[in-house]
Protein backbone atom coordinates (compact mmCIF):
# COMPACT_ATOMS: atom_id res chain seq x y z
CA UNK A 1 -22.20 -12.48 -6.99
CA UNK A 2 -22.24 -8.75 -6.05
CA UNK A 3 -19.63 -6.40 -7.11
CA UNK A 4 -18.42 -2.61 -6.73
CA UNK A 5 -18.50 -1.59 -10.64
CA UNK A 6 -17.33 1.58 -12.15
CA UNK A 7 -19.98 2.77 -14.57
CA UNK A 8 -17.21 4.97 -16.35
CA UNK A 9 -14.93 7.81 -15.24
CA UNK A 10 -15.94 10.39 -12.83
CA UNK A 11 -16.63 11.32 -9.26
CA UNK A 12 -18.01 8.96 -6.81
CA UNK A 13 -21.49 9.09 -8.59
CA UNK A 14 -19.90 6.54 -10.97
CA UNK A 15 -19.71 3.53 -8.43
CA UNK A 16 -22.21 0.90 -8.19
CA UNK A 17 -22.92 -2.29 -6.63
CA UNK A 18 -24.14 -4.65 -9.20
CA UNK A 19 -24.76 -8.59 -10.13
CA UNK A 20 -21.91 -9.70 -12.03
CA UNK A 21 -20.54 -13.40 -13.14
CA UNK A 22 -19.06 -15.47 -10.27
CA UNK A 23 -15.38 -15.89 -11.08
CA UNK A 24 -13.95 -19.68 -12.00
CA UNK A 25 -10.53 -21.09 -10.77
CA UNK A 26 -8.41 -21.88 -13.28
CA UNK A 27 -5.27 -24.03 -12.92
CA UNK A 28 -3.25 -23.04 -10.17
CA UNK A 29 -5.92 -20.61 -8.68
CA UNK A 30 -8.29 -20.44 -5.94
CA UNK A 31 -11.68 -18.39 -5.47
CA UNK A 32 -11.56 -16.65 -2.35
CA UNK A 33 -14.58 -15.35 -0.60
CA UNK A 34 -14.07 -11.94 0.18
CA UNK A 35 -14.85 -10.56 3.67
CA UNK A 36 -13.38 -7.43 3.39
CA UNK A 37 -11.38 -5.34 0.91
CA UNK A 38 -8.80 -2.40 1.26
CA UNK A 39 -9.73 1.18 -0.43
CA UNK A 40 -6.18 2.35 -2.11
CA UNK A 41 -5.71 5.49 -3.65
CA UNK A 42 -5.37 3.61 -7.00
CA UNK A 43 -9.11 2.82 -6.50
CA UNK A 44 -9.76 6.46 -6.77
CA UNK A 45 -7.50 7.25 -9.90
CA UNK A 46 -8.90 4.21 -11.64
CA UNK A 47 -12.03 5.64 -11.04
CA UNK A 48 -11.48 8.77 -12.69
CA UNK A 49 -10.11 6.84 -15.61
CA UNK A 50 -6.32 7.39 -15.14
CA UNK A 51 -5.38 3.78 -13.82
CA UNK A 52 -6.82 1.02 -15.61
CA UNK A 53 -6.60 -2.66 -14.22
CA UNK A 54 -3.81 -4.92 -16.05
CA UNK A 55 -4.55 -7.32 -18.79
CA UNK A 56 -6.26 -10.35 -17.02
CA UNK A 57 -7.89 -8.56 -14.44
CA UNK A 58 -11.44 -7.04 -14.29
CA UNK A 59 -11.48 -3.73 -16.10
CA UNK A 60 -14.64 -2.30 -13.90
CA UNK A 61 -14.42 -3.67 -10.57
CA UNK A 62 -11.62 -2.12 -8.30
CA UNK A 63 -9.88 -3.47 -5.47
CA UNK A 64 -6.30 -4.14 -5.01
CA UNK A 65 -6.44 -6.40 -1.75
CA UNK A 66 -8.73 -8.79 -0.16
CA UNK A 67 -8.97 -11.08 2.91
CA UNK A 68 -11.67 -13.70 2.98
CA UNK A 69 -11.66 -17.80 2.99
CA UNK A 70 -10.85 -20.19 0.20
CA UNK A 71 -13.99 -21.27 -1.53
CA UNK A 72 -13.04 -23.76 -4.14
CA UNK A 73 -9.26 -24.71 -5.76
CA UNK A 74 -8.32 -24.77 -9.24
CA UNK A 75 -6.33 -27.69 -10.65
CA UNK A 76 -2.94 -28.26 -9.13
CA UNK A 77 -3.34 -26.47 -6.38
CA UNK A 78 -1.74 -27.60 -2.95
CA UNK A 79 -1.48 -26.46 0.60
CA UNK A 80 -4.96 -24.55 0.80
CA UNK A 81 -8.05 -25.97 1.63
CA UNK A 82 -11.72 -24.51 1.33
CA UNK A 83 -12.33 -22.41 4.78
CA UNK A 84 -8.64 -21.39 5.09
CA UNK A 85 -8.62 -17.67 5.88
CA UNK A 86 -6.74 -15.96 3.40
CA UNK A 87 -5.38 -12.61 2.32
CA UNK A 88 -3.49 -10.82 -0.62
CA UNK A 89 -3.16 -8.54 -3.75
CA UNK A 90 -4.71 -8.43 -7.05
CA UNK A 91 -4.45 -6.39 -10.14
CA UNK A 92 -8.47 -5.70 -9.79
CA UNK A 93 -11.70 -7.13 -8.77
CA UNK A 94 -11.09 -7.15 -4.85
CA UNK A 95 -14.00 -5.53 -3.92
CA UNK A 96 -16.44 -8.20 -5.14
CA UNK A 97 -18.07 -10.94 -3.30
CA UNK A 98 -15.37 -13.62 -4.91
CA UNK A 99 -12.26 -13.17 -6.57
CA UNK A 100 -10.29 -15.75 -8.32
CA UNK A 101 -6.39 -15.49 -7.25
CA UNK A 102 -3.01 -17.43 -7.91
CA UNK A 103 -2.62 -19.80 -5.13
CA UNK A 104 0.92 -18.86 -5.20
CA UNK A 105 0.64 -15.20 -3.94
CA UNK A 106 -2.14 -16.09 -1.39
CA UNK A 107 -0.81 -15.37 2.44
CA UNK A 108 -2.25 -16.82 5.48
CA UNK A 109 -4.34 -14.71 7.95
CA UNK A 110 -2.68 -14.67 11.17
CA UNK A 111 -5.10 -16.05 13.75
CA UNK A 112 -5.23 -12.67 15.79
CA UNK A 113 -6.57 -10.57 13.08
CA UNK A 114 -9.87 -9.80 12.09
CA UNK A 115 -11.19 -9.81 8.75
CA UNK A 116 -11.12 -5.91 8.62
CA UNK A 117 -7.41 -6.06 9.63
CA UNK A 118 -6.07 -8.89 7.61
CA UNK A 119 -7.63 -6.59 4.46
CA UNK A 120 -5.52 -3.74 5.22
CA UNK A 121 -2.26 -5.94 5.33
CA UNK A 122 -1.72 -6.66 1.65
CA UNK A 123 -1.18 -3.63 -0.08
CA UNK A 124 0.22 -1.33 2.70
CA UNK A 125 2.80 -4.07 4.22
CA UNK A 126 4.01 -5.63 0.75
CA UNK A 127 4.58 -2.17 -0.61
CA UNK A 128 6.28 -0.59 2.53
CA UNK A 129 8.48 -3.98 3.21
CA UNK A 130 9.42 -3.89 -0.78
CA UNK A 131 10.32 -0.06 -0.58
CA UNK A 132 12.29 -0.28 2.82
CA UNK A 133 13.92 -3.66 2.92
CA UNK A 134 14.29 -4.70 -0.72
CA UNK A 135 14.68 -1.63 -2.55
CA UNK A 136 16.02 0.90 0.05
CA UNK A 137 18.11 -1.97 1.84
CA UNK A 138 17.61 -0.02 5.06
CA UNK A 139 19.94 -1.03 7.68
CA UNK A 140 20.06 -0.51 11.68
CA UNK A 141 21.31 2.87 12.43
CA UNK A 142 20.21 4.81 9.41
CA UNK A 143 17.99 7.78 9.07
CA UNK A 144 14.94 7.33 7.08
CA UNK A 145 12.43 10.24 6.02
CA UNK A 146 8.80 8.81 5.38
CA UNK A 147 6.34 11.72 3.64
CA UNK A 148 2.59 11.60 4.40
CA UNK A 149 2.62 9.52 7.95
CA UNK A 150 -0.99 9.32 7.99
CA UNK A 151 -1.56 7.26 4.89
CA UNK A 152 -1.84 3.35 5.02
CA UNK A 153 1.40 2.42 3.54
CA UNK A 154 3.04 5.47 5.75
CA UNK A 155 1.52 4.18 9.02
CA UNK A 156 2.88 0.54 8.07
CA UNK A 157 6.24 2.17 6.76
CA UNK A 158 7.07 3.84 9.83
CA UNK A 159 6.40 0.53 12.08
CA UNK A 160 8.58 -1.34 9.36
CA UNK A 161 11.64 1.18 9.49
CA UNK A 162 11.86 1.33 13.12
CA UNK A 163 11.67 -2.54 13.49
CA UNK A 164 14.59 -2.54 10.71
CA UNK A 165 16.53 -0.54 13.25
CA UNK A 166 16.39 3.27 11.69
CA UNK A 167 15.71 6.51 12.90
CA UNK A 168 12.28 7.69 11.74
CA UNK A 169 11.46 11.09 10.62
CA UNK A 170 8.00 11.78 9.02
CA UNK A 171 6.20 14.88 7.68
CA UNK A 172 2.39 15.85 7.38
CA UNK A 173 0.44 18.89 6.89
CA UNK A 174 -1.70 17.71 9.97
CA UNK A 175 -0.05 17.86 13.39
CA UNK A 176 -2.36 15.33 14.70
CA UNK A 177 -1.18 12.61 12.36
CA UNK A 178 2.46 13.39 13.66
CA UNK A 179 1.33 12.96 17.00
CA UNK A 180 -0.53 9.71 16.28
CA UNK A 181 2.21 8.11 14.40
CA UNK A 182 4.55 8.63 17.66
CA UNK A 183 3.48 5.20 19.20
CA UNK A 184 4.36 3.63 15.53
CA UNK A 185 7.81 4.59 16.04
CA UNK A 186 7.97 8.10 14.58
CA UNK A 187 11.18 9.62 16.25
CA UNK A 188 10.81 13.39 14.85
CA UNK A 189 7.66 14.80 12.95
CA UNK A 190 7.94 17.42 10.49
CA UNK A 191 4.90 19.83 10.42
CA UNK A 192 5.07 20.77 6.62
CA UNK A 193 2.11 23.35 6.75
CA UNK A 194 4.33 25.69 8.60
CA UNK A 195 7.56 25.07 6.98
CA UNK A 196 9.56 22.83 4.11
CA UNK A 197 10.61 19.59 5.45
CA UNK A 198 14.10 20.40 3.57
CA UNK A 199 14.52 23.71 5.98
CA UNK A 200 13.44 21.34 9.01
CA UNK A 201 16.02 18.65 8.72
CA UNK A 202 19.12 19.46 10.56
CA UNK A 203 20.97 16.19 9.69
CA UNK A 204 20.66 14.46 6.18
CA UNK A 205 18.87 11.04 5.94
CA UNK A 206 19.85 7.69 4.06
CA UNK A 207 16.77 6.97 2.93
CA UNK A 208 13.31 8.93 1.95
CA UNK A 209 10.20 7.27 1.06
CA UNK A 210 8.07 9.65 -1.27
CA UNK A 211 4.40 9.48 -2.26
CA UNK A 212 4.38 13.44 -4.23
CA UNK A 213 6.30 12.68 -7.37
CA UNK A 214 7.77 15.45 -9.58
CA UNK A 215 7.17 18.66 -7.60
CA UNK A 216 9.27 17.05 -4.44
CA UNK A 217 12.17 15.53 -6.41
CA UNK A 218 14.76 18.28 -5.76
CA UNK A 219 13.82 18.76 -2.28
CA UNK A 220 14.05 14.93 -1.60
CA UNK A 221 17.30 14.58 -3.19
CA UNK A 222 18.91 17.84 -1.30
CA UNK A 223 18.43 16.05 1.80
CA UNK A 224 19.90 12.67 1.18
CA UNK A 225 23.42 12.04 2.12
CA UNK A 226 26.11 10.45 -0.01
CA UNK A 227 24.97 7.05 -0.97
CA UNK A 228 21.22 7.99 -0.18
CA UNK A 229 18.59 6.31 -1.92
CA UNK A 230 15.17 7.98 -2.76
CA UNK A 231 12.06 5.57 -3.32
CA UNK A 232 9.27 7.06 -5.61
CA UNK A 233 5.59 5.19 -4.84
CA UNK A 234 3.58 7.60 -5.97
CA UNK A 235 2.81 11.14 -8.15
CA UNK A 236 0.02 12.78 -5.85
CA UNK A 237 1.56 15.77 -6.47
CA UNK A 238 1.86 15.28 -10.24
CA UNK A 239 4.42 13.23 -12.29
CA UNK A 240 6.38 16.14 -13.52
CA UNK A 241 9.52 17.45 -11.94
CA UNK A 242 11.12 21.23 -11.93
CA UNK A 243 14.43 21.51 -12.68
CA UNK A 244 16.71 19.05 -10.72
CA UNK A 245 20.51 19.00 -10.42
CA UNK A 246 21.58 15.98 -11.85
CA UNK A 247 25.03 16.44 -10.74
CA UNK A 248 23.46 16.28 -7.23
CA UNK A 249 22.91 12.64 -8.10
CA UNK A 250 26.22 11.92 -9.67
CA UNK A 251 28.25 13.49 -6.64
CA UNK A 252 26.37 11.93 -3.81
CA UNK A 253 26.10 8.45 -5.86
CA UNK A 254 22.49 8.52 -4.98
CA UNK A 255 19.91 6.00 -6.10
CA UNK A 256 16.21 7.27 -7.64
CA UNK A 257 14.02 4.01 -7.51
CA UNK A 258 10.59 3.77 -8.88
CA UNK A 259 8.26 1.14 -7.54
CA UNK A 260 4.83 0.12 -8.30
CA UNK A 261 3.33 -3.04 -7.30
CA UNK A 262 -0.02 -3.81 -9.44
CA UNK A 263 1.67 -3.88 -12.82
CA UNK A 264 4.63 -6.55 -11.77
CA UNK A 265 5.10 -9.81 -13.50
CA UNK A 266 3.48 -13.07 -11.56
CA UNK A 267 6.97 -14.25 -10.92
CA UNK A 268 7.99 -10.99 -9.11
CA UNK A 269 5.09 -11.18 -7.10
CA UNK A 270 5.44 -14.53 -6.05
CA UNK A 271 9.25 -13.88 -5.09
CA UNK A 272 8.07 -11.14 -3.01
CA UNK A 273 5.41 -12.73 -1.35
CA UNK A 274 7.61 -15.51 -0.21
CA UNK A 275 9.92 -12.99 1.35
CA UNK A 276 7.28 -11.43 3.19
CA UNK A 277 5.77 -14.68 4.46
CA UNK A 278 9.10 -15.59 5.63
CA UNK A 279 10.11 -12.31 6.94
CA UNK A 280 7.67 -9.96 7.94
CA UNK A 281 4.45 -12.02 8.66
CA UNK A 282 5.56 -13.72 11.84
CA UNK A 283 5.77 -10.23 13.59
CA UNK A 284 2.38 -9.54 12.50
CA UNK A 285 1.16 -12.74 13.99
CA UNK A 286 3.21 -11.87 16.89
CA UNK A 287 1.68 -8.40 17.44
CA UNK A 288 5.23 -6.72 16.79
CA UNK A 289 3.75 -5.14 13.72
CA UNK A 290 0.10 -4.38 13.05
CA UNK A 291 -2.00 -2.52 10.29
CA UNK A 292 -3.81 0.76 11.01
CA UNK A 293 -6.98 1.39 10.51
CA UNK A 294 -8.60 4.20 10.07
CA UNK A 295 -12.02 3.94 9.22
CA UNK A 296 -14.31 1.07 7.84
CA UNK A 297 -17.38 1.08 5.65
CA UNK A 298 -20.15 -1.25 4.45
CA UNK A 299 -19.88 -2.24 0.78
CA UNK A 300 -22.72 -0.33 0.18
CA UNK A 301 -21.09 2.96 1.39
CA UNK A 302 -18.12 2.76 -0.83
CA UNK A 303 -18.66 6.22 -2.40
CA UNK A 304 -18.64 7.62 1.42
CA UNK A 305 -15.34 5.72 1.62
CA UNK A 306 -13.78 7.50 -1.59
CA UNK A 307 -15.20 10.96 -0.17
CA UNK A 308 -13.34 10.19 3.23
CA UNK A 309 -10.19 8.88 1.59
CA UNK A 310 -10.21 12.27 -1.01
CA UNK A 311 -10.59 14.34 2.46
CA UNK A 312 -7.36 13.32 3.73
CA UNK A 313 -8.66 13.27 7.33
CA UNK A 314 -8.22 9.62 7.68
CA UNK A 315 -5.05 8.32 9.55
CA UNK A 316 -4.35 4.82 8.56
CA UNK A 317 -6.33 2.37 6.10
CA UNK A 318 -9.94 2.56 5.04
CA UNK A 319 -11.27 -0.87 4.64
CA UNK A 320 -14.87 -2.16 2.92
CA UNK A 321 -16.52 -4.74 4.28
CA UNK A 322 -19.42 -7.27 2.89
C-alpha cells in the first residue's frame, strides 16, 4: 500500500509517499481502507522530531485520525462488517491507504458526512468534547474562553461550548477568524493583535481552553473566577511558564488540567469513544454540530498541506484525501 512516510526529522522535504507492507488485523482489530485523513499539529511536531508515535504504532507513518471503510475483520470482532463506513483516532499510521485499528475505538460515519468531513471529526471533536464536557464539566450559563478560534479543535470547541449552554469568548490575532467563528456560536471575539485578552475581558470566565502553554499560564489564571478550570491542550508557544502566583490558584480554588489524546491507555480511549458515540454523535448526524474544513489536499500534496498549516492562515481543519 501507499503511505506518507517521514524519511527523517526536518522540514516538509522529509515527507515522501512510499510503498509499505499492508497491515493485518489482529484479534479485536479491523483493517480500514482509508479514504481521507486529518492533518494535525502533532503531525508537524513529529515531522520535526519532537513527538514520536507511542509504542505499537508506526514510527514513520503520521496521521492521528482517519475515515474510510472496513476492509477485513480480526478474530473476535462483532458489530462491524466489511464495507461499513467508519472513522476514528489512532496513535499513528492514519495517513496510509490502510490502517489496523482496535474495533472498540471505531466510530460509525453519519450518513450526511462526506469522507473528508468524517476525517475532520475524530481528533477535533473528541479532544474538544473531552476538554469541555469531561475535564472542564461545563454547565449552562458558564463563560468559556477559547484561544486560537481558527484551529480545527477550536472551531469545534466553540460549537460544543455553545451546545452545552455556555457563553463563548474566543481569541485570535486574525480578525477575519473571529468573524468566521460568529456563526459557529462565538458570542465575543478578542483580537489579540491589538491588546492582551486579560485586558479585554471585563468579566472573569469559568473555563479557559488553552493551546499556547507556558507563556500564557499566568494570564490565563488571572481571568478565571473562583472555582475556574484551565484546560491545557498544547504548548504552541513553549512548555515553560514565567513566574506564576500559586496563591492565586489556592485562593480561587482553581483547577489546572492537562490533557493529551495520543498517549492515553486503550481503556480510557474506549470509554471516551463510547461516551462520545452516545452523547455527541447524534448531534453530528442531525447537523446540529459539524466539522469545519478549511482546506483539502491530495495525499501527494501533503508537503503543501504542512506548509499551509504552518502559515496559520487556514480557518478550520486541513484534510488529506487519497
